[in-house]
Amino acid sequence: MGEPVTPSLDSRRAADILTMHRLAGKADSVQALVRWLARRTGCWVGLVDPAGGVQAQSPRECDSDGMTLVADGLRVMRERGLRTFVGGESPGRSAALLAVGIPGDQSGSVPSGPVLAVVGPEPLATAAPADAGPLLGVCWRAQETERARRRVEIADARGREAVLHLLMSGNLTTAHQIASVLAPRLYDPARFHVIECGPGRRAETIRICTELTGGRAWIVGCPVYSDHVLMVAPATPLPAGARPLEAALTAEIEGCVVGTGDALALRDTATGYEQAFHALAVARGRPERWTRFDAALGLPVIVGRHGLTWADHLLVPLAGHVPTRATDPGSRTLTDTLRSWLVFSSAATRHMKIHRNTLASRLRCVEALLGLNLELVGDQAKLDLALRIAELPRVTDHGPGTVEPAPPAPAGDDFETLLRMPAVQEWALTQLRPVHEDAPALEATLRTWLRNDTRLRTTAQVLGVSVTGARKRLIRLEQVLQRSLLRVPNARHDLWLAIEILDHGRPDRNT
């Protein structure tokens, strides 16, 4: 038999280069190359910036003496304008530093980008570190470009989210100003769409939504639900024979579900979102996977000026709150937090970008100011109604540009008076008619759920069923009422008010 063939130096180098090119194709190519070099050389390998900060390194950390060698080498390279340097404290330990060539770098001889550092007994025993330099430069530039792209995407997404926040809080002027920079402009009137697309599919969904709307819709990844995309699209009439946007979305995005609100003015964006969310709960149970909100006049509009006195009186302590310390939240901050919490419950932390302790502290402050218990759905419902009434445009009889005088202090039973209004009674009947007519057996579940402040486990115990059984009944109620119940924003406030109106606010129709 012949002697075994020993690979030549050139063939080993060629194999190393092929291995490095394969590693350069990985997502974490810089780290993969550095780790391979450490195994190939038997040394510590790191990618350091000109100031000595380690950007990537082999799993085994370099000791302080080794890092001193690297720092001294970097200093010499700066002072002498070198792109390579080899030095050591003893024959058995040295450091080799090689400036990594970054594509497009015009800095000259002095390295301005990362430097490959190899510390060990024989850092340059192989050509691998020198051969890795150009590849590391390309990989480094690619990763830096990707980081920059991600930063731009994040900044754009946060800007769009900020515009949506402004729209939902009624700050239209600022929203239009920011939207004019980010594009597209905001159209008025508009329809709110909530697209439930599944986890990990938001980028694809946003791209398809942009294509289907011709880039004319304001599209945002939902800050509360990671599988939702929010879209404010122009409410333009459809050409003859054209399919609705919702149908196009469900056809193009596999498995998605779409809920759509009414065509509303931009100042009513918050209402449009809640409508679309309720429609989404209904769409989940329909084969076409989309539906539009079943429009019904809102209670704040029905009570109108009759409710302004009660609402203003309830909210006076909050509206007039002045914090004792500059760092404490003021009236506007407390009101915005309260609105977010009434809509999103504990998920308001994600919506407002605040810590849960901050949310709890602000809510305790609101409770102390208003004398309400925010754990009770009844107090939540009254407060939600008062805030929605207060947001209505105030029409005066004093001509344009005049301010409506403050209403007089109401009588103690003003809320009960609102409940007895015939129009309010009709609204309550409309809200609960689907239960009365189509699912009377579920009314006990609805009442129990509300009476126990929408706590699912307690509701199940009172009904004598499992939590899963109670959840299934509420899912059935969502389809009957065409409103969201299990996920916020849900219809708990309107439903509590409707039951309260019918139970305790019977009008005297003979008067």
Protein backbone atom coordinates (compact mmCIF):
# COMPACT_ATOMS: atom_id res chain seq x y z
CA MET A 1 0.00 0.00 0.00
CA GLY A 2 1.23 3.51 -0.72
CA GLU A 3 2.07 6.17 1.84
CA PRO A 4 -0.87 8.36 3.01
CA VAL A 5 -0.99 11.65 1.16
CA THR A 6 -0.45 14.71 3.38
CA PRO A 7 -2.40 17.75 2.22
CA SER A 8 -0.16 20.48 0.92
CA LEU A 9 -0.09 23.93 2.52
CA ASP A 10 -1.90 25.41 -0.49
CA SER A 11 -4.69 22.81 -0.38
CA ARG A 12 -5.26 23.40 3.36
CA ARG A 13 -5.40 27.15 2.74
CA ALA A 14 -7.87 26.63 -0.10
CA ALA A 15 -10.06 24.47 2.18
CA ASP A 16 -9.93 27.19 4.85
CA ILE A 17 -10.99 29.83 2.36
CA LEU A 18 -13.91 27.69 1.15
CA THR A 19 -15.00 27.16 4.76
CA MET A 20 -14.86 30.90 5.47
CA HIS A 21 -16.93 31.70 2.38
CA ARG A 22 -19.55 29.19 3.51
CA LEU A 23 -19.65 30.80 6.99
CA ALA A 24 -19.96 34.24 5.41
CA GLY A 25 -23.35 33.20 4.06
CA LYS A 26 -24.82 32.72 7.53
CA ALA A 27 -27.11 35.26 9.20
CA ASP A 28 -24.58 35.80 12.03
CA SER A 29 -21.61 35.66 9.66
CA VAL A 30 -19.25 37.90 11.66
CA GLN A 31 -19.64 35.88 14.86
CA ALA A 32 -19.42 32.59 12.92
CA LEU A 33 -16.15 33.62 11.25
CA VAL A 34 -14.62 34.80 14.53
CA ARG A 35 -15.46 31.55 16.30
CA TRP A 36 -14.06 29.46 13.43
CA LEU A 37 -10.82 31.46 13.44
CA ALA A 38 -10.45 30.83 17.17
CA ARG A 39 -10.74 27.07 16.60
CA ARG A 40 -8.42 27.16 13.59
CA THR A 41 -5.65 29.16 15.26
CA GLY A 42 -6.04 27.95 18.85
CA CYS A 43 -5.96 31.62 19.96
CA TRP A 44 -8.36 34.17 21.29
CA VAL A 45 -9.91 36.01 18.35
CA GLY A 46 -11.92 39.20 18.52
CA LEU A 47 -13.18 42.01 16.35
CA VAL A 48 -12.48 45.31 18.10
CA ASP A 49 -13.20 48.92 17.22
CA PRO A 50 -10.35 51.48 17.05
CA ALA A 51 -11.02 52.45 20.69
CA GLY A 52 -10.60 48.85 21.88
CA GLY A 53 -14.25 47.93 22.37
CA VAL A 54 -14.94 44.28 21.59
CA GLN A 55 -17.66 43.91 18.91
CA ALA A 56 -17.42 40.12 18.49
CA GLN A 57 -15.20 37.48 20.06
CA SER A 58 -14.57 33.77 20.47
CA PRO A 59 -16.42 32.00 23.31
CA ARG A 60 -13.35 32.05 25.57
CA GLU A 61 -12.78 35.59 26.84
CA CYS A 62 -9.38 37.22 26.61
CA ASP A 63 -7.58 37.88 29.91
CA SER A 64 -6.51 41.35 31.03
CA ASP A 65 -2.91 40.89 29.85
CA GLY A 66 -4.09 39.93 26.40
CA MET A 67 -6.41 42.94 26.22
CA THR A 68 -3.48 45.14 27.26
CA LEU A 69 -1.52 43.77 24.28
CA VAL A 70 -4.48 44.62 22.01
CA ALA A 71 -4.81 48.15 23.44
CA ASP A 72 -1.08 48.81 23.03
CA GLY A 73 -1.19 47.51 19.47
CA LEU A 74 -4.13 49.76 18.57
CA ARG A 75 -2.27 52.76 20.00
CA VAL A 76 0.82 52.02 17.91
CA MET A 77 -1.33 51.59 14.79
CA ARG A 78 -2.94 55.00 15.34
CA GLU A 79 0.36 56.74 16.05
CA ARG A 80 2.24 55.23 13.09
CA GLY A 81 -0.63 54.97 10.62
CA LEU A 82 -0.34 51.19 10.36
CA ARG A 83 -2.93 48.72 9.15
CA THR A 84 -1.22 45.67 10.64
CA PHE A 85 0.74 45.14 13.83
CA VAL A 86 2.36 42.19 15.59
CA GLY A 87 3.75 42.46 19.12
CA GLY A 88 4.05 40.47 22.30
CA GLU A 89 5.22 40.34 25.87
CA SER A 90 7.15 37.07 25.39
CA PRO A 91 8.03 34.61 22.61
CA GLY A 92 5.17 32.35 23.72
CA ARG A 93 2.44 35.00 23.68
CA SER A 94 1.82 37.75 21.16
CA ALA A 95 -0.96 39.71 19.50
CA ALA A 96 -1.57 40.18 15.79
CA LEU A 97 -3.82 43.03 14.70
CA LEU A 98 -5.09 43.39 11.14
CA ALA A 99 -7.32 46.23 9.98
CA VAL A 100 -10.46 44.84 8.35
CA GLY A 101 -11.08 46.25 4.90
CA ILE A 102 -14.56 47.78 4.78
CA PRO A 103 -15.96 48.17 1.22
CA GLY A 104 -16.10 51.84 0.32
CA ASP A 105 -13.88 52.94 3.22
CA GLN A 106 -11.96 56.08 2.20
CA SER A 107 -10.18 56.62 5.52
CA GLY A 108 -6.69 55.87 4.14
CA SER A 109 -4.01 53.98 6.01
CA VAL A 110 -5.29 54.56 9.56
CA PRO A 111 -8.10 52.05 10.30
CA SER A 112 -11.42 53.68 11.11
CA GLY A 113 -13.39 50.45 11.08
CA PRO A 114 -13.03 47.22 13.07
CA VAL A 115 -9.70 45.51 13.64
CA LEU A 116 -9.21 41.74 13.77
CA ALA A 117 -7.21 40.84 16.91
CA VAL A 118 -5.62 37.40 17.43
CA VAL A 119 -3.91 36.76 20.79
CA GLY A 120 -2.01 33.55 21.54
CA PRO A 121 1.21 31.62 21.20
CA GLU A 122 1.37 31.74 17.38
CA PRO A 123 -1.39 34.03 16.07
CA LEU A 124 -0.08 33.99 12.49
CA ALA A 125 0.87 30.32 12.25
CA THR A 126 -1.68 30.03 9.43
CA ALA A 127 -2.84 32.42 6.74
CA ALA A 128 -6.44 32.17 7.97
CA PRO A 129 -6.54 35.53 9.85
CA ALA A 130 -5.17 37.41 6.81
CA ASP A 131 -7.52 35.61 4.43
CA ALA A 132 -10.50 36.32 6.72
CA GLY A 133 -9.96 40.08 6.71
CA PRO A 134 -11.70 40.93 3.40
CA LEU A 135 -14.60 38.56 4.16
CA LEU A 136 -15.06 40.05 7.62
CA GLY A 137 -15.14 43.51 6.08
CA VAL A 138 -17.91 42.57 3.67
CA CYS A 139 -19.89 40.80 6.40
CA TRP A 140 -19.43 43.69 8.81
CA ARG A 141 -20.69 46.22 6.24
CA ALA A 142 -23.68 43.99 5.44
CA GLN A 143 -24.60 43.69 9.11
CA GLU A 144 -24.16 47.43 9.67
CA THR A 145 -26.38 48.12 6.66
CA GLU A 146 -29.01 45.74 8.02
CA ARG A 147 -28.85 47.40 11.45
CA ALA A 148 -29.29 50.82 9.82
CA ARG A 149 -32.24 49.52 7.79
CA ARG A 150 -33.85 48.13 10.92
CA ARG A 151 -33.34 51.44 12.74
CA VAL A 152 -35.04 53.27 9.88
CA GLU A 153 -37.92 50.77 9.91
CA ILE A 154 -38.34 51.11 13.68
CA ALA A 155 -38.27 54.91 13.49
CA ASP A 156 -40.83 54.88 10.67
CA ALA A 157 -43.08 52.45 12.56
CA ARG A 158 -42.91 54.54 15.72
CA GLY A 159 -43.68 57.68 13.75
CA ARG A 160 -46.73 56.04 12.21
CA GLU A 161 -47.81 54.73 15.59
CA ALA A 162 -47.48 58.27 16.99
CA VAL A 163 -49.75 59.61 14.24
CA LEU A 164 -52.33 56.97 15.11
CA HIS A 165 -52.13 57.94 18.80
CA LEU A 166 -52.67 61.59 17.82
CA LEU A 167 -55.68 60.69 15.68
CA MET A 168 -57.24 58.61 18.44
CA SER A 169 -56.77 61.43 20.95
CA GLY A 170 -58.19 64.04 18.56
CA ASN A 171 -54.95 65.99 17.84
CA LEU A 172 -55.63 66.24 14.11
CA THR A 173 -53.39 69.20 13.31
CA THR A 174 -50.22 67.56 14.62
CA ALA A 175 -51.22 64.22 13.06
CA HIS A 176 -51.56 65.87 9.62
CA GLN A 177 -48.19 67.60 10.01
CA ILE A 178 -46.32 64.38 10.80
CA ALA A 179 -48.23 62.37 8.18
CA SER A 180 -47.28 64.89 5.48
CA VAL A 181 -43.62 64.08 6.17
CA LEU A 182 -43.92 60.30 6.45
CA ALA A 183 -46.54 59.91 3.66
CA PRO A 184 -49.19 59.15 2.68
CA ARG A 185 -51.39 62.04 3.68
CA LEU A 186 -54.43 61.37 5.85
CA TYR A 187 -57.77 61.16 4.08
CA ASP A 188 -60.99 62.37 5.67
CA PRO A 189 -63.43 60.60 5.97
CA ALA A 190 -61.83 57.19 6.43
CA ARG A 191 -62.60 53.62 7.46
CA PHE A 192 -60.68 51.83 10.19
CA HIS A 193 -59.66 48.24 9.44
CA VAL A 194 -58.19 45.71 11.89
CA ILE A 195 -56.44 42.81 10.15
CA GLU A 196 -55.68 39.73 12.25
CA CYS A 197 -52.87 38.03 10.34
CA GLY A 198 -51.26 35.55 12.72
CA PRO A 199 -47.87 35.76 14.45
CA GLY A 200 -44.80 36.59 12.38
CA ARG A 201 -46.79 37.77 9.34
CA ARG A 202 -47.17 41.50 9.99
CA ALA A 203 -44.48 42.63 7.53
CA GLU A 204 -46.08 40.61 4.73
CA THR A 205 -49.55 41.88 5.68
CA ILE A 206 -48.41 45.51 5.71
CA ARG A 207 -46.84 45.05 2.26
CA ILE A 208 -50.04 43.57 0.81
CA CYS A 209 -52.21 46.25 2.43
CA THR A 210 -49.99 48.92 0.89
CA GLU A 211 -50.28 47.34 -2.55
CA LEU A 212 -54.06 46.89 -2.39
CA THR A 213 -54.67 50.48 -1.28
CA GLY A 214 -52.21 51.98 -3.75
CA GLY A 215 -50.17 53.40 -0.89
CA ARG A 216 -53.03 55.70 0.17
CA ALA A 217 -53.79 54.09 3.56
CA TRP A 218 -52.18 54.77 6.92
CA ILE A 219 -50.93 51.34 8.06
CA VAL A 220 -49.49 50.54 11.49
CA GLY A 221 -48.52 47.38 13.34
CA CYS A 222 -50.77 47.27 16.41
CA PRO A 223 -48.83 48.25 19.57
CA VAL A 224 -51.08 46.05 21.73
CA TYR A 225 -51.65 42.84 19.72
CA SER A 226 -48.64 41.41 17.88
CA ASP A 227 -50.85 39.63 15.32
CA HIS A 228 -52.87 42.72 14.35
CA VAL A 229 -52.29 45.31 11.64
CA LEU A 230 -54.25 48.57 11.85
CA MET A 231 -55.21 50.46 8.70
CA VAL A 232 -56.96 53.80 8.19
CA ALA A 233 -58.01 53.81 4.54
CA PRO A 234 -59.86 56.46 2.51
CA ALA A 235 -63.63 55.93 2.59
CA THR A 236 -64.16 56.35 -1.14
CA PRO A 237 -67.12 54.78 -3.00
CA LEU A 238 -66.28 51.56 -4.83
CA PRO A 239 -66.43 51.48 -8.64
CA ALA A 240 -69.21 49.37 -10.11
CA GLY A 241 -68.40 45.69 -9.85
CA ALA A 242 -65.32 46.18 -7.66
CA ARG A 243 -64.92 43.88 -4.66
CA PRO A 244 -64.64 45.43 -1.18
CA LEU A 245 -61.17 46.01 0.21
CA GLU A 246 -61.89 43.50 2.99
CA ALA A 247 -62.62 40.76 0.46
CA ALA A 248 -59.42 41.56 -1.41
CA LEU A 249 -57.41 41.37 1.83
CA THR A 250 -58.78 37.97 2.84
CA ALA A 251 -58.17 36.68 -0.69
CA GLU A 252 -54.54 37.84 -0.75
CA ILE A 253 -53.55 37.11 2.87
CA GLU A 254 -54.06 33.45 3.67
CA GLY A 255 -55.97 32.84 6.90
CA CYS A 256 -56.35 36.52 7.85
CA VAL A 257 -59.52 37.95 9.41
CA VAL A 258 -60.66 41.54 8.83
CA GLY A 259 -62.99 43.79 10.82
CA THR A 260 -64.02 47.20 9.45
CA GLY A 261 -65.67 50.23 11.00
CA ASP A 262 -68.04 52.79 9.52
CA ALA A 263 -66.90 55.61 7.26
CA LEU A 264 -66.16 58.28 9.87
CA ALA A 265 -64.46 61.64 10.16
CA LEU A 266 -60.83 61.47 11.27
CA ARG A 267 -61.75 63.08 14.59
CA ASP A 268 -63.70 59.88 15.33
CA THR A 269 -60.74 57.54 14.72
CA ALA A 270 -60.97 56.09 18.24
CA THR A 271 -64.61 55.15 17.61
CA GLY A 272 -63.64 53.64 14.26
CA TYR A 273 -61.04 51.45 15.93
CA GLU A 274 -63.49 50.09 18.48
CA GLN A 275 -66.04 49.44 15.71
CA ALA A 276 -63.47 47.56 13.64
CA PHE A 277 -62.36 45.51 16.65
CA HIS A 278 -65.94 44.47 17.40
CA ALA A 279 -66.45 43.59 13.73
CA LEU A 280 -63.28 41.46 13.91
CA ALA A 281 -64.80 39.34 16.71
CA VAL A 282 -67.78 38.63 14.45
CA ALA A 283 -65.65 37.98 11.35
CA ARG A 284 -63.80 35.13 13.10
CA GLY A 285 -66.99 33.08 12.98
CA ARG A 286 -67.90 33.81 9.36
CA PRO A 287 -66.72 31.77 6.34
CA GLU A 288 -65.75 34.88 4.36
CA ARG A 289 -63.53 35.98 7.30
CA TRP A 290 -64.49 39.65 7.13
CA THR A 291 -67.36 41.87 8.16
CA ARG A 292 -68.23 45.51 8.66
CA PHE A 293 -69.52 47.00 11.86
CA ASP A 294 -73.28 46.90 12.28
CA ALA A 295 -73.79 50.61 12.71
CA ALA A 296 -75.90 51.77 15.61
CA LEU A 297 -76.07 55.27 17.03
CA GLY A 298 -73.72 55.60 19.97
CA LEU A 299 -75.09 56.39 23.43
CA PRO A 300 -73.00 59.58 23.84
CA VAL A 301 -74.63 61.00 20.71
CA ILE A 302 -78.10 60.01 21.92
CA VAL A 303 -77.82 61.70 25.30
CA GLY A 304 -76.17 64.71 23.64
CA ARG A 305 -76.43 67.96 25.56
CA HIS A 306 -78.55 66.26 28.21
CA GLY A 307 -75.48 64.31 29.27
CA LEU A 308 -72.95 67.16 29.19
CA THR A 309 -73.92 68.46 32.60
CA TRP A 310 -73.59 65.07 34.24
CA ALA A 311 -70.34 64.23 32.43
CA ASP A 312 -68.67 67.57 33.16
CA HIS A 313 -69.63 67.39 36.81
CA LEU A 314 -68.23 63.85 37.13
CA LEU A 315 -64.96 64.78 35.43
CA VAL A 316 -64.36 68.16 37.11
CA PRO A 317 -61.85 66.83 39.68
CA LEU A 318 -59.86 65.14 36.93
CA ALA A 319 -60.02 68.03 34.46
CA GLY A 320 -58.94 70.53 37.10
CA HIS A 321 -56.23 68.41 38.70
CA VAL A 322 -52.93 70.22 39.26
CA PRO A 323 -50.11 67.96 40.54
CA THR A 324 -48.38 68.98 43.74
CA ARG A 325 -44.98 68.04 42.31
CA ALA A 326 -43.62 68.79 38.85
CA THR A 327 -42.79 65.11 38.34
CA ASP A 328 -46.33 63.92 39.10
CA PRO A 329 -48.75 63.30 36.19
CA GLY A 330 -51.03 66.18 35.29
CA SER A 331 -54.64 66.20 34.17
CA ARG A 332 -53.87 65.47 30.49
CA THR A 333 -51.55 62.55 31.29
CA LEU A 334 -54.05 61.02 33.72
CA THR A 335 -56.91 61.41 31.24
CA ASP A 336 -54.95 59.85 28.36
CA THR A 337 -53.88 56.96 30.59
CA LEU A 338 -57.45 56.45 31.77
CA ARG A 339 -58.79 56.38 28.20
CA SER A 340 -56.17 53.84 27.19
CA TRP A 341 -56.89 51.65 30.22
CA LEU A 342 -60.67 51.74 29.69
CA VAL A 343 -60.09 50.50 26.14
CA PHE A 344 -57.17 48.09 26.58
CA SER A 345 -57.26 47.18 30.29
CA SER A 346 -53.83 45.94 31.45
CA ALA A 347 -52.56 46.06 27.84
CA ALA A 348 -52.54 49.86 28.21
CA THR A 349 -48.92 49.43 29.32
CA ARG A 350 -48.02 48.42 25.74
CA HIS A 351 -50.28 51.04 24.22
CA MET A 352 -48.90 53.87 26.37
CA LYS A 353 -45.33 52.47 26.56
CA ILE A 354 -45.29 52.67 30.37
CA HIS A 355 -44.46 50.25 33.19
CA ARG A 356 -47.31 48.42 34.91
CA ASN A 357 -46.43 50.11 38.21
CA THR A 358 -46.76 53.51 36.52
CA LEU A 359 -50.17 52.51 35.16
CA ALA A 360 -51.34 51.30 38.60
CA SER A 361 -50.12 54.50 40.27
CA ARG A 362 -51.95 56.73 37.78
CA LEU A 363 -55.17 54.74 38.12
CA ARG A 364 -55.02 55.01 41.92
CA CYS A 365 -54.69 58.77 41.49
CA VAL A 366 -57.78 58.84 39.23
CA GLU A 367 -59.75 56.78 41.76
CA ALA A 368 -58.82 59.18 44.55
CA LEU A 369 -59.79 62.22 42.45
CA LEU A 370 -63.14 60.87 41.25
CA GLY A 371 -64.14 58.73 44.22
CA LEU A 372 -64.69 55.67 42.01
CA ASN A 373 -63.61 52.04 42.24
CA LEU A 374 -62.10 51.16 38.87
CA GLU A 375 -62.24 47.44 39.62
CA LEU A 376 -66.03 47.63 39.20
CA VAL A 377 -67.35 47.44 35.66
CA GLY A 378 -70.21 49.75 36.65
CA ASP A 379 -67.84 52.56 37.64
CA GLN A 380 -65.76 51.91 34.53
CA ALA A 381 -68.87 52.16 32.35
CA LYS A 382 -69.98 55.46 33.88
CA LEU A 383 -66.51 56.92 33.48
CA ASP A 384 -66.19 55.66 29.90
CA LEU A 385 -69.55 57.20 29.01
CA ALA A 386 -68.62 60.52 30.64
CA LEU A 387 -65.34 60.70 28.71
CA ARG A 388 -67.05 59.92 25.41
CA ILE A 389 -69.71 62.56 26.06
CA ALA A 390 -67.04 65.11 26.94
CA GLU A 391 -65.29 64.45 23.60
CA LEU A 392 -68.41 65.36 21.56
CA PRO A 393 -68.28 68.63 19.59
CA ARG A 394 -69.93 71.40 21.63
CA VAL A 395 -72.43 73.26 19.50
CA THR A 396 -73.44 76.61 20.93
CA ASP A 397 -76.12 79.12 20.12
CA HIS A 398 -73.75 82.06 20.52
CA GLY A 399 -72.24 82.08 17.06
CA PRO A 400 -68.93 80.73 15.79
CA GLY A 401 -65.84 81.22 17.90
CA THR A 402 -67.70 81.56 21.19
CA VAL A 403 -67.21 79.35 24.19
CA GLU A 404 -70.13 77.51 25.69
CA PRO A 405 -70.72 78.60 29.29
CA ALA A 406 -70.09 76.02 32.00
CA PRO A 407 -73.25 74.08 32.90
CA PRO A 408 -74.73 74.40 36.36
CA ALA A 409 -74.05 71.73 38.94
CA PRO A 410 -76.46 68.83 38.34
CA ALA A 411 -78.82 67.22 40.73
CA GLY A 412 -77.69 64.02 42.46
CA ASP A 413 -79.92 61.79 40.32
CA ASP A 414 -78.80 63.18 36.94
CA PHE A 415 -77.40 59.85 35.82
CA GLU A 416 -80.71 58.17 36.68
CA THR A 417 -82.47 60.85 34.66
CA LEU A 418 -80.35 60.00 31.63
CA LEU A 419 -81.26 56.32 32.01
CA ARG A 420 -84.96 57.12 31.85
CA MET A 421 -84.80 59.04 28.56
CA PRO A 422 -86.97 57.26 25.94
CA ALA A 423 -84.22 57.45 23.30
CA VAL A 424 -81.77 55.89 25.76
CA GLN A 425 -84.24 53.10 26.46
CA GLU A 426 -84.54 52.40 22.75
CA TRP A 427 -80.75 52.29 22.46
CA ALA A 428 -80.55 49.72 25.26
CA LEU A 429 -83.25 47.58 23.66
CA THR A 430 -81.32 47.67 20.37
CA GLN A 431 -78.12 46.54 22.09
CA LEU A 432 -79.74 43.58 23.83
CA ARG A 433 -82.34 42.62 21.23
CA PRO A 434 -80.11 39.93 19.63
CA VAL A 435 -79.84 38.17 23.00
CA HIS A 436 -83.56 38.47 23.74
CA GLU A 437 -84.57 37.26 20.27
CA ASP A 438 -81.85 34.81 19.21
CA ALA A 439 -80.19 33.49 22.38
CA PRO A 440 -82.28 34.09 25.49
CA ALA A 441 -80.52 31.19 27.24
CA LEU A 442 -77.27 33.16 27.08
CA GLU A 443 -78.66 36.22 28.88
CA ALA A 444 -77.87 34.67 32.27
CA THR A 445 -74.25 34.20 31.17
CA LEU A 446 -74.03 37.82 30.06
CA ARG A 447 -75.52 39.16 33.28
CA THR A 448 -73.34 36.91 35.45
CA TRP A 449 -70.21 37.94 33.54
CA LEU A 450 -70.98 41.65 34.01
CA ARG A 451 -72.15 41.25 37.61
CA ASN A 452 -68.79 39.64 38.42
CA ASP A 453 -66.85 42.45 36.73
CA THR A 454 -65.99 40.31 33.68
CA ARG A 455 -63.82 37.89 35.68
CA LEU A 456 -64.04 34.65 33.71
CA ARG A 457 -63.14 32.24 36.51
CA THR A 458 -65.66 33.74 38.92
CA THR A 459 -68.31 33.73 36.18
CA ALA A 460 -67.68 30.02 35.56
CA GLN A 461 -67.98 29.22 39.28
CA VAL A 462 -71.29 31.09 39.64
CA LEU A 463 -72.70 29.41 36.53
CA GLY A 464 -71.47 26.00 37.70
CA VAL A 465 -69.50 25.32 34.53
CA SER A 466 -65.82 25.00 33.67
CA VAL A 467 -63.79 28.02 32.60
CA THR A 468 -63.67 26.53 29.11
CA GLY A 469 -67.46 26.19 29.13
CA ALA A 470 -67.91 29.81 30.20
CA ARG A 471 -65.48 30.94 27.50
CA LYS A 472 -67.44 29.02 24.83
CA ARG A 473 -70.65 30.74 25.94
CA LEU A 474 -69.01 34.15 25.66
CA ILE A 475 -67.69 33.27 22.21
CA ARG A 476 -71.27 32.41 21.24
CA LEU A 477 -72.41 35.75 22.69
CA GLU A 478 -69.80 37.55 20.56
CA GLN A 479 -71.42 36.13 17.44
CA VAL A 480 -74.94 36.94 18.64
CA LEU A 481 -74.17 40.49 19.82
CA GLN A 482 -71.59 41.14 17.08
CA ARG A 483 -69.28 42.64 19.69
CA SER A 484 -65.94 41.61 21.18
CA LEU A 485 -66.21 40.27 24.74
CA LEU A 486 -63.10 38.20 25.47
CA ARG A 487 -60.44 40.52 24.07
CA VAL A 488 -60.12 44.23 24.73
CA PRO A 489 -61.42 46.59 23.56
CA ASN A 490 -64.67 44.83 24.36
CA ALA A 491 -68.29 45.82 24.78
CA ARG A 492 -68.46 45.40 28.56
CA HIS A 493 -69.21 49.08 29.23
CA ASP A 494 -72.02 49.45 26.69
CA LEU A 495 -73.57 46.14 27.73
CA TRP A 496 -73.45 47.05 31.43
CA LEU A 497 -75.12 50.37 30.63
CA ALA A 498 -77.76 48.67 28.47
CA ILE A 499 -78.70 46.23 31.24
CA GLU A 500 -78.66 49.02 33.83
CA ILE A 501 -80.92 51.14 31.64
CA LEU A 502 -83.48 48.38 31.14
CA ASP A 503 -83.41 47.24 34.77
CA HIS A 504 -83.43 50.57 36.56
CA GLY A 505 -84.30 53.32 34.13
CA ARG A 506 -87.84 52.55 32.97
CA PRO A 507 -89.32 55.75 31.59
CA ASP A 508 -92.84 56.94 32.40
CA ARG A 509 -94.26 56.92 28.88
CA ASN A 510 -97.50 58.58 30.04
CA THR A 511 -95.79 61.82 30.92
